Each structure stands twice: as structure tokens, then as C-alpha cells.
């Protein structure tokens, strides 16, 4: 909005020329999202407490978690408000990539909101039935993939970039639609599974979002993309503003979600953030890099898959409890130590991801 209101004035006042630069508007989006989170956070937490929107605790989980019972959840609403307000304020709203990623984020946020509502307000232990939950998630992935396949923008391709290899780019053709669905649904649920300790999911997400802020800028910058030999996607640089908004909103949420948490994000936050990250990865043609930069989310997901598969096949568990962060808790590792160590691993993985820009 500010871009459309103020940039045209640069012909009269040269100072307004700064609004043409994505880097300037990204910084503005980060600070705006952070400010919105700080301002609305205390109010939202009070309202959630008044409405008794409290977190339920699993009976078979670590005993230390019982003191968290009743802590306000659905705090992801705060993240979404900050992301949407700052993106709409600072992004070029004529860019359809911006609207596509906002659409995907809102869609998955609504699914998460309904799931949280059923579990917390309606006291339904299962929440939204899995067949409906995954059905709507799959539909979103197919819609995004189908849109990109049928209405590609200039320089957008169905080729798949392989990290560390600059000339290996298989063309997925129509299978690209299914691939996009797998990326969005997989990333969304991976972040959701990781959200089990105070600040555990939001910390790695901040590092992943910050990494994709850099990658989005490069993918949409013709000269930088050519120099680094990555796929150039016209218009993708505007997603830098959206990624910046996610970084600012997530930092603001972490202020309240850090141990001991005053609020949890709930499915409305984790599902929407995962969908946003997955959609950005698809749009800037760095889908497979999610496996590295989001390594923590991958590990958490694999631990659940191994646990369920092993129990169904042999009746035995691989871990004391899944996702794997609960396994470490039951083994006596303090919650803050698990969280910080997972953050450190995420930071290392983010650095490794950025090195792929040169190591090709």
C-alpha cells in the first residue's frame, strides 16, 4: 500500500524513491510486523485467557508439561495479523506471487483455526477429522500447483533445482502439480509436529524464513541469479517483503512464546506458517532446499513416521515418545536445553543452505 501511495511521489520528492527498493521495504515489513506483535500481543493473550482458550496436555506426555495446562493457545492469530498487515503495507500488491502466498497462508490458517476451535472451544479431543483436514490441505496444494502450471509467469518453469548441482534440473512436467502439493502439505504438517515445546517451532522457523528472505531476493534479481547460476523467477523478489514480514512477526511472537511460554501458536499458527514457507519455496524454485534449511522439521516428521510404522508393524516403539523432542524430555534433558540445541542445529542448517548458492 505504501509502495503505491508514496513511490509515485518520487518525481516530486526524490526521498520517496527509496520505496522502489525491495530491501528498504523488506526492512520496513520486518519492523512493522515486530511492532504489531508487540502492540497486539498482550491484548490478544488477555482475550484468550478471558475466553479460556487454554492448551490441553496429553496424559502420556512428560510430567513437566502438566503445569502448562490452561496456557492460552491459538496465538498464531497474532502471527497472521502481523504478517498480513505488514505485507499489505509494504509489498507491491500488483505482484501475483504476493497474493498467491497470502492465499495459501490464509487457507491453511483457516484449517488450523477450525481444528483449534473444535479442540479447545468445543472440547473435541480429535479436533477436525483427519480426512477433512488433509483433504483441504491437499486441495490447496493442487490449486497452487495447478495455477502455476496452467498460468505460469515469465521465466517460471516446472524444472526442479537440485541443491549443490547447477546443471541437474529435471523437468517434472504435469507431475509438478503433485510435487507442489507434497511440498506445501508436507512442510505445513512438519512445522505442526515440531510445535511441542516453548519456542521450539518458531525458532527454527525464524531461521528458515530468514534464509528464504535472502533466497527470494536472489531468485527475483536477474543479475544476482545469473551470477550465482540459480533459476531466475521474474517477480519473485517481491516475496522478500513477505518473508521479511514472517521473520518480524515470528520474532514478535517468540517474545511471548519463549520459555516459559505465555501463549502457544496452535494449529492456526503452525499450519499456516508451514504452508507459507512451502509456498515461497515453490515460487522461488528452491523446493528441495527445504530438506536442509528445515532439517529440524524433517527430523521431527521422520521420528513420528518411524514410531508409528514400527508400532504398527512390530508393536514396539523406536522412541520413548514421538516427536523426538519428547523422547529427549523423557530421557531427562531439560526443556530449555532441548529448545536451544534445536535452534543451534537450525542455525547451522541455515548456513549450509546458503552455501549451496556457491557450491554448485
Protein backbone atom coordinates (compact mmCIF):
# COMPACT_ATOMS: atom_id res chain seq x y z
CA UNK A 1 0.00 0.00 0.00
CA UNK A 2 2.78 2.42 0.91
CA UNK A 3 4.56 1.45 -2.30
CA UNK A 4 1.55 2.50 -4.37
CA UNK A 5 0.85 5.64 -2.34
CA UNK A 6 4.34 7.02 -1.84
CA UNK A 7 6.58 5.77 -4.65
CA UNK A 8 4.73 7.80 -7.34
CA UNK A 9 5.69 10.92 -5.35
CA UNK A 10 9.38 10.35 -6.05
CA UNK A 11 9.08 12.58 -9.12
CA UNK A 12 8.31 15.47 -6.80
CA UNK A 13 10.27 14.45 -3.71
CA UNK A 14 13.32 12.34 -4.52
CA UNK A 15 13.35 10.89 -0.99
CA UNK A 16 10.32 8.73 -1.85
CA UNK A 17 12.47 6.87 -4.38
CA UNK A 18 13.54 4.53 -1.57
CA UNK A 19 10.16 2.78 -1.86
CA UNK A 20 11.22 1.26 -5.17
CA UNK A 21 13.86 -0.82 -3.39
CA UNK A 22 12.80 -4.24 -2.14
CA UNK A 23 15.48 -4.19 0.53
CA UNK A 24 14.08 -0.99 2.07
CA UNK A 25 10.52 -2.28 2.05
CA UNK A 26 11.63 -5.62 3.49
CA UNK A 27 13.24 -3.83 6.43
CA UNK A 28 10.02 -1.88 6.85
CA UNK A 29 7.98 -5.09 6.80
CA UNK A 30 10.18 -6.71 9.45
CA UNK A 31 9.93 -3.75 11.81
CA UNK A 32 6.20 -3.29 11.19
CA UNK A 33 5.42 -6.95 11.88
CA UNK A 34 7.56 -6.83 15.01
CA UNK A 35 5.81 -3.68 16.23
CA UNK A 36 2.34 -5.09 15.52
CA UNK A 37 3.25 -8.22 17.51
CA UNK A 38 4.48 -6.19 20.48
CA UNK A 39 1.38 -3.97 20.49
CA UNK A 40 -1.30 -6.61 19.94
CA UNK A 41 0.40 -9.49 21.79
CA UNK A 42 -0.53 -8.58 25.39
CA UNK A 43 -4.11 -7.72 24.37
CA UNK A 44 -4.56 -10.99 22.47
CA UNK A 45 -3.16 -13.06 25.36
CA UNK A 46 -5.59 -11.38 27.78
CA UNK A 47 -8.54 -12.05 25.45
CA UNK A 48 -7.55 -15.70 25.05
CA UNK A 49 -7.33 -16.03 28.84
CA UNK A 50 -10.76 -14.43 29.26
CA UNK A 51 -12.22 -16.80 26.67
CA UNK A 52 -10.45 -19.71 28.43
CA UNK A 53 -8.76 -20.80 25.22
CA UNK A 54 -6.27 -22.98 27.08
CA UNK A 55 -3.91 -25.70 25.95
CA UNK A 56 -4.85 -29.31 26.76
CA UNK A 57 -1.98 -31.58 27.88
CA UNK A 58 -1.54 -35.22 26.87
CA UNK A 59 -1.77 -37.65 29.77
CA UNK A 60 1.07 -39.80 28.40
CA UNK A 61 3.46 -36.88 27.97
CA UNK A 62 6.28 -35.61 30.20
CA UNK A 63 5.08 -34.75 33.71
CA UNK A 64 6.63 -31.29 33.48
CA UNK A 65 4.03 -30.36 30.86
CA UNK A 66 1.08 -30.51 33.25
CA UNK A 67 1.97 -27.09 34.66
CA UNK A 68 1.36 -25.71 31.15
CA UNK A 69 -2.28 -26.75 31.18
CA UNK A 70 -4.51 -23.76 30.53
CA UNK A 71 -1.81 -21.66 28.86
CA UNK A 72 -3.55 -19.66 26.09
CA UNK A 73 -3.26 -21.20 22.64
CA UNK A 74 -4.27 -20.11 19.11
CA UNK A 75 -1.62 -17.39 19.39
CA UNK A 76 -0.88 -17.98 15.73
CA UNK A 77 -3.62 -15.44 15.07
CA UNK A 78 -1.14 -12.81 16.25
CA UNK A 79 1.46 -14.01 13.74
CA UNK A 80 -1.05 -13.96 10.88
CA UNK A 81 -2.26 -10.46 11.74
CA UNK A 82 1.31 -9.13 11.82
CA UNK A 83 2.29 -10.89 8.57
CA UNK A 84 -0.78 -9.77 6.64
CA UNK A 85 -0.75 -6.17 7.87
CA UNK A 86 2.94 -5.61 7.19
CA UNK A 87 2.85 -7.39 3.81
CA UNK A 88 -0.17 -5.40 2.63
CA UNK A 89 1.50 -2.23 3.86
CA UNK A 90 4.92 -2.69 2.25
CA UNK A 91 4.59 -5.09 -0.72
CA UNK A 92 3.83 -4.33 -4.33
CA UNK A 93 0.22 -5.51 -4.44
CA UNK A 94 0.27 -5.84 -8.22
CA UNK A 95 2.57 -8.84 -7.85
CA UNK A 96 0.51 -12.03 -8.09
CA UNK A 97 3.10 -14.07 -6.20
CA UNK A 98 2.32 -11.96 -3.13
CA UNK A 99 -1.40 -12.70 -3.39
CA UNK A 100 -0.77 -16.38 -4.03
CA UNK A 101 1.33 -16.84 -0.91
CA UNK A 102 -1.14 -14.81 1.17
CA UNK A 103 -3.94 -17.01 -0.18
CA UNK A 104 -2.10 -20.21 0.78
CA UNK A 105 -1.27 -18.85 4.24
CA UNK A 106 -4.86 -17.76 4.91
CA UNK A 107 -6.28 -21.06 3.62
CA UNK A 108 -4.11 -23.18 5.91
CA UNK A 109 -4.60 -20.73 8.76
CA UNK A 110 -8.36 -21.25 8.46
CA UNK A 111 -7.93 -25.03 8.60
CA UNK A 112 -5.79 -24.65 11.71
CA UNK A 113 -8.27 -22.24 13.28
CA UNK A 114 -11.15 -24.69 12.80
CA UNK A 115 -9.05 -27.52 14.23
CA UNK A 116 -8.08 -25.42 17.28
CA UNK A 117 -11.65 -24.22 17.73
CA UNK A 118 -13.03 -27.75 17.79
CA UNK A 119 -10.36 -28.97 20.21
CA UNK A 120 -10.23 -26.00 22.58
CA UNK A 121 -13.66 -24.36 22.44
CA UNK A 122 -15.86 -27.32 21.55
CA UNK A 123 -13.71 -29.69 23.64
CA UNK A 124 -13.41 -32.25 20.85
CA UNK A 125 -10.36 -34.42 21.60
CA UNK A 126 -9.64 -35.13 17.92
CA UNK A 127 -10.46 -31.70 16.52
CA UNK A 128 -11.03 -31.59 12.78
CA UNK A 129 -11.24 -35.13 11.39
CA UNK A 130 -8.04 -36.16 9.60
CA UNK A 131 -9.83 -36.92 6.33
CA UNK A 132 -11.24 -33.39 6.19
CA UNK A 133 -8.03 -31.76 7.42
CA UNK A 134 -5.78 -33.47 4.89
CA UNK A 135 -8.42 -33.23 2.20
CA UNK A 136 -8.48 -29.43 2.39
CA UNK A 137 -4.69 -29.28 2.67
CA UNK A 138 -4.28 -31.44 -0.45
CA UNK A 139 -6.82 -29.30 -2.30
CA UNK A 140 -4.79 -26.18 -1.51
CA UNK A 141 -1.60 -27.80 -2.78
CA UNK A 142 -3.30 -28.90 -6.00
CA UNK A 143 -4.78 -25.44 -6.54
CA UNK A 144 -1.41 -23.71 -6.12
CA UNK A 145 0.38 -26.28 -8.30
CA UNK A 146 -2.35 -26.21 -10.94
CA UNK A 147 -2.34 -22.42 -11.07
CA UNK A 148 1.42 -22.25 -11.57
CA UNK A 149 1.33 -24.99 -14.20
CA UNK A 150 -1.60 -23.58 -16.18
CA UNK A 151 -0.82 -19.87 -15.77
CA UNK A 152 2.97 -19.61 -15.50
CA UNK A 153 4.56 -16.19 -15.22
CA UNK A 154 7.53 -15.15 -17.36
CA UNK A 155 10.61 -17.29 -16.68
CA UNK A 156 8.68 -19.65 -14.36
CA UNK A 157 9.44 -23.28 -15.07
CA UNK A 158 8.45 -26.76 -13.92
CA UNK A 159 12.12 -27.71 -13.68
CA UNK A 160 13.37 -28.86 -10.30
CA UNK A 161 16.56 -27.30 -8.93
CA UNK A 162 18.84 -29.75 -7.11
CA UNK A 163 20.98 -28.28 -4.29
CA UNK A 164 24.74 -28.40 -4.99
CA UNK A 165 24.14 -29.18 -8.71
CA UNK A 166 23.77 -26.34 -11.21
CA UNK A 167 23.12 -28.37 -14.35
CA UNK A 168 20.91 -31.11 -12.96
CA UNK A 169 17.38 -29.77 -13.38
CA UNK A 170 14.81 -32.45 -14.27
CA UNK A 171 11.59 -31.15 -15.80
CA UNK A 172 8.63 -32.57 -13.86
CA UNK A 173 6.03 -31.62 -16.45
CA UNK A 174 2.46 -32.12 -15.25
CA UNK A 175 3.77 -34.08 -12.22
CA UNK A 176 4.88 -30.67 -10.95
CA UNK A 177 1.31 -30.11 -9.69
CA UNK A 178 1.52 -33.15 -7.42
CA UNK A 179 5.02 -32.18 -6.34
CA UNK A 180 3.83 -28.72 -5.26
CA UNK A 181 1.04 -30.35 -3.27
CA UNK A 182 3.52 -32.62 -1.47
CA UNK A 183 5.81 -29.68 -0.63
CA UNK A 184 3.06 -27.49 0.81
CA UNK A 185 1.23 -30.23 2.72
CA UNK A 186 4.48 -31.79 3.95
CA UNK A 187 6.02 -28.53 5.15
CA UNK A 188 2.81 -27.43 6.82
CA UNK A 189 2.45 -30.61 8.86
CA UNK A 190 6.17 -30.82 9.62
CA UNK A 191 6.06 -27.43 11.35
CA UNK A 192 2.89 -28.54 13.13
CA UNK A 193 4.58 -31.66 14.52
CA UNK A 194 7.55 -29.63 15.76
CA UNK A 195 5.35 -27.26 17.77
CA UNK A 196 5.52 -29.15 21.06
CA UNK A 197 7.79 -27.12 23.36
CA UNK A 198 8.02 -23.43 24.22
CA UNK A 199 9.64 -21.68 21.27
CA UNK A 200 10.74 -24.95 19.67
CA UNK A 201 8.96 -24.50 16.33
CA UNK A 202 9.14 -20.73 16.00
CA UNK A 203 12.93 -20.58 16.49
CA UNK A 204 13.84 -22.85 13.54
CA UNK A 205 11.08 -21.22 11.52
CA UNK A 206 12.64 -17.77 12.01
CA UNK A 207 15.96 -19.08 10.66
CA UNK A 208 14.25 -20.80 7.74
CA UNK A 209 12.22 -17.68 6.91
CA UNK A 210 15.34 -15.50 7.12
CA UNK A 211 17.15 -17.87 4.75
CA UNK A 212 14.31 -17.74 2.26
CA UNK A 213 14.26 -13.96 2.55
CA UNK A 214 17.77 -14.00 1.05
CA UNK A 215 16.89 -16.68 -1.49
CA UNK A 216 13.76 -14.86 -2.65
CA UNK A 217 15.72 -11.68 -3.29
CA UNK A 218 18.34 -13.55 -5.33
CA UNK A 219 15.78 -15.58 -7.31
CA UNK A 220 13.99 -12.39 -8.37
CA UNK A 221 17.15 -10.40 -9.16
CA UNK A 222 18.24 -11.20 -12.72
CA UNK A 223 21.89 -10.21 -12.29
CA UNK A 224 22.31 -11.99 -8.94
CA UNK A 225 20.55 -15.13 -10.20
CA UNK A 226 22.76 -15.23 -13.29
CA UNK A 227 25.94 -14.71 -11.28
CA UNK A 228 25.05 -17.44 -8.76
CA UNK A 229 23.65 -19.68 -11.51
CA UNK A 230 20.26 -20.18 -9.92
CA UNK A 231 16.88 -20.15 -11.61
CA UNK A 232 15.62 -16.62 -12.19
CA UNK A 233 11.92 -16.11 -11.43
CA UNK A 234 10.57 -12.77 -12.57
CA UNK A 235 8.71 -11.02 -9.75
CA UNK A 236 9.96 -13.37 -7.03
CA UNK A 237 11.97 -10.63 -5.34
CA UNK A 238 8.72 -9.17 -4.03
CA UNK A 239 8.39 -12.28 -1.87
CA UNK A 240 11.37 -10.91 0.04
CA UNK A 241 8.94 -8.46 1.65
CA UNK A 242 6.58 -11.28 2.64
CA UNK A 243 9.43 -13.37 4.07
CA UNK A 244 10.64 -10.34 6.00
CA UNK A 245 7.15 -9.91 7.43
CA UNK A 246 7.25 -13.54 8.57
CA UNK A 247 10.60 -13.00 10.25
CA UNK A 248 9.37 -9.90 12.10
CA UNK A 249 6.06 -11.49 13.11
CA UNK A 250 7.79 -14.66 14.32
CA UNK A 251 10.34 -12.69 16.36
CA UNK A 252 7.47 -10.76 17.94
CA UNK A 253 5.64 -13.98 18.74
CA UNK A 254 8.80 -15.54 20.20
CA UNK A 255 8.85 -12.67 22.72
CA UNK A 256 5.72 -14.20 24.27
CA UNK A 257 6.33 -17.84 23.33
CA UNK A 258 9.85 -18.15 24.79
CA UNK A 259 10.23 -20.47 27.79
CA UNK A 260 8.14 -20.33 29.94
CA UNK A 261 5.56 -19.57 27.25
CA UNK A 262 2.75 -17.07 27.82
CA UNK A 263 0.98 -18.30 24.69
CA UNK A 264 1.16 -21.16 22.19
CA UNK A 265 0.65 -20.74 18.45
CA UNK A 266 -1.73 -23.65 17.99
CA UNK A 267 -2.53 -25.23 14.64
CA UNK A 268 -3.70 -21.88 13.29
CA UNK A 269 -0.09 -20.74 13.53
CA UNK A 270 1.93 -23.84 12.76
CA UNK A 271 -0.09 -25.00 9.74
CA UNK A 272 -0.21 -21.54 8.17
CA UNK A 273 3.50 -20.83 8.72
CA UNK A 274 4.44 -24.19 7.23
CA UNK A 275 2.21 -23.55 4.21
CA UNK A 276 3.71 -20.07 3.76
CA UNK A 277 7.26 -21.42 3.84
CA UNK A 278 6.43 -24.26 1.46
CA UNK A 279 4.68 -21.94 -0.99
CA UNK A 280 7.59 -19.49 -1.01
CA UNK A 281 9.99 -22.37 -1.65
CA UNK A 282 7.88 -23.44 -4.62
CA UNK A 283 7.59 -19.94 -6.06
CA UNK A 284 11.32 -19.19 -5.94
CA UNK A 285 12.27 -22.67 -7.22
CA UNK A 286 14.10 -23.79 -4.08
CA UNK A 287 11.80 -26.59 -3.01
CA UNK A 288 14.35 -29.29 -2.19
CA UNK A 289 16.42 -26.86 -0.14
CA UNK A 290 13.63 -27.09 2.45
CA UNK A 291 15.01 -30.51 3.37
CA UNK A 292 18.20 -28.78 4.55
CA UNK A 293 17.08 -25.43 5.90
CA UNK A 294 14.06 -27.07 7.56
CA UNK A 295 16.07 -30.04 8.75
CA UNK A 296 14.63 -29.87 12.26
CA UNK A 297 11.11 -30.13 10.85
CA UNK A 298 12.22 -33.08 8.71
CA UNK A 299 13.77 -34.91 11.67
CA UNK A 300 10.65 -34.39 13.79
CA UNK A 301 8.45 -35.73 10.99
CA UNK A 302 10.65 -38.76 10.35
CA UNK A 303 10.63 -39.60 14.06
CA UNK A 304 6.83 -39.73 14.01
CA UNK A 305 6.76 -41.84 10.84
CA UNK A 306 9.29 -44.31 12.30
CA UNK A 307 7.41 -44.50 15.59
CA UNK A 308 4.03 -45.17 14.00
CA UNK A 309 5.39 -47.60 11.40
CA UNK A 310 7.37 -49.59 13.95
CA UNK A 311 4.49 -49.82 16.41
CA UNK A 312 2.04 -50.95 13.74
CA UNK A 313 4.46 -53.50 12.27
CA UNK A 314 6.06 -54.93 15.42
CA UNK A 315 4.20 -53.47 18.39
CA UNK A 316 7.44 -51.84 19.54
CA UNK A 317 8.37 -48.17 19.74
CA UNK A 318 11.58 -46.73 18.34
CA UNK A 319 11.48 -43.75 20.72
CA UNK A 320 10.05 -43.39 24.19
CA UNK A 321 7.70 -40.82 22.70
CA UNK A 322 7.36 -39.04 19.35
CA UNK A 323 8.01 -36.44 18.02
CA UNK A 324 11.63 -36.85 19.01
CA UNK A 325 11.82 -33.77 21.27
CA UNK A 326 9.56 -35.61 23.74
CA UNK A 327 11.94 -38.58 23.65
CA UNK A 328 14.75 -36.34 24.88
CA UNK A 329 12.50 -34.90 27.58
CA UNK A 330 11.60 -38.35 28.90
CA UNK A 331 15.31 -39.17 28.95
CA UNK A 332 15.83 -36.33 31.41
CA UNK A 333 17.06 -33.50 29.19
CA UNK A 334 15.72 -30.13 30.36
CA UNK A 335 13.22 -28.44 28.07
CA UNK A 336 15.20 -25.18 27.62
CA UNK A 337 18.30 -27.18 26.67
CA UNK A 338 16.41 -29.14 24.01
CA UNK A 339 14.98 -25.94 22.57
CA UNK A 340 18.27 -24.06 22.38
CA UNK A 341 20.13 -27.04 20.92
CA UNK A 342 17.48 -27.41 18.22
CA UNK A 343 17.89 -23.67 17.49
CA UNK A 344 21.64 -24.13 17.15
CA UNK A 345 21.16 -27.01 14.72
CA UNK A 346 18.71 -24.88 12.73
CA UNK A 347 21.25 -22.07 12.52
CA UNK A 348 23.91 -24.46 11.22
CA UNK A 349 21.49 -25.87 8.64
CA UNK A 350 20.57 -22.34 7.52
CA UNK A 351 24.24 -21.56 6.92
CA UNK A 352 24.70 -24.81 4.99
CA UNK A 353 21.69 -23.92 2.86
CA UNK A 354 23.15 -20.55 1.95
CA UNK A 355 26.44 -22.18 0.97
CA UNK A 356 24.61 -24.03 -1.80
CA UNK A 357 24.45 -20.72 -3.65
CA UNK A 358 28.18 -21.02 -4.35
CA UNK A 359 28.80 -24.75 -4.01
CA UNK A 360 27.25 -25.85 -7.30
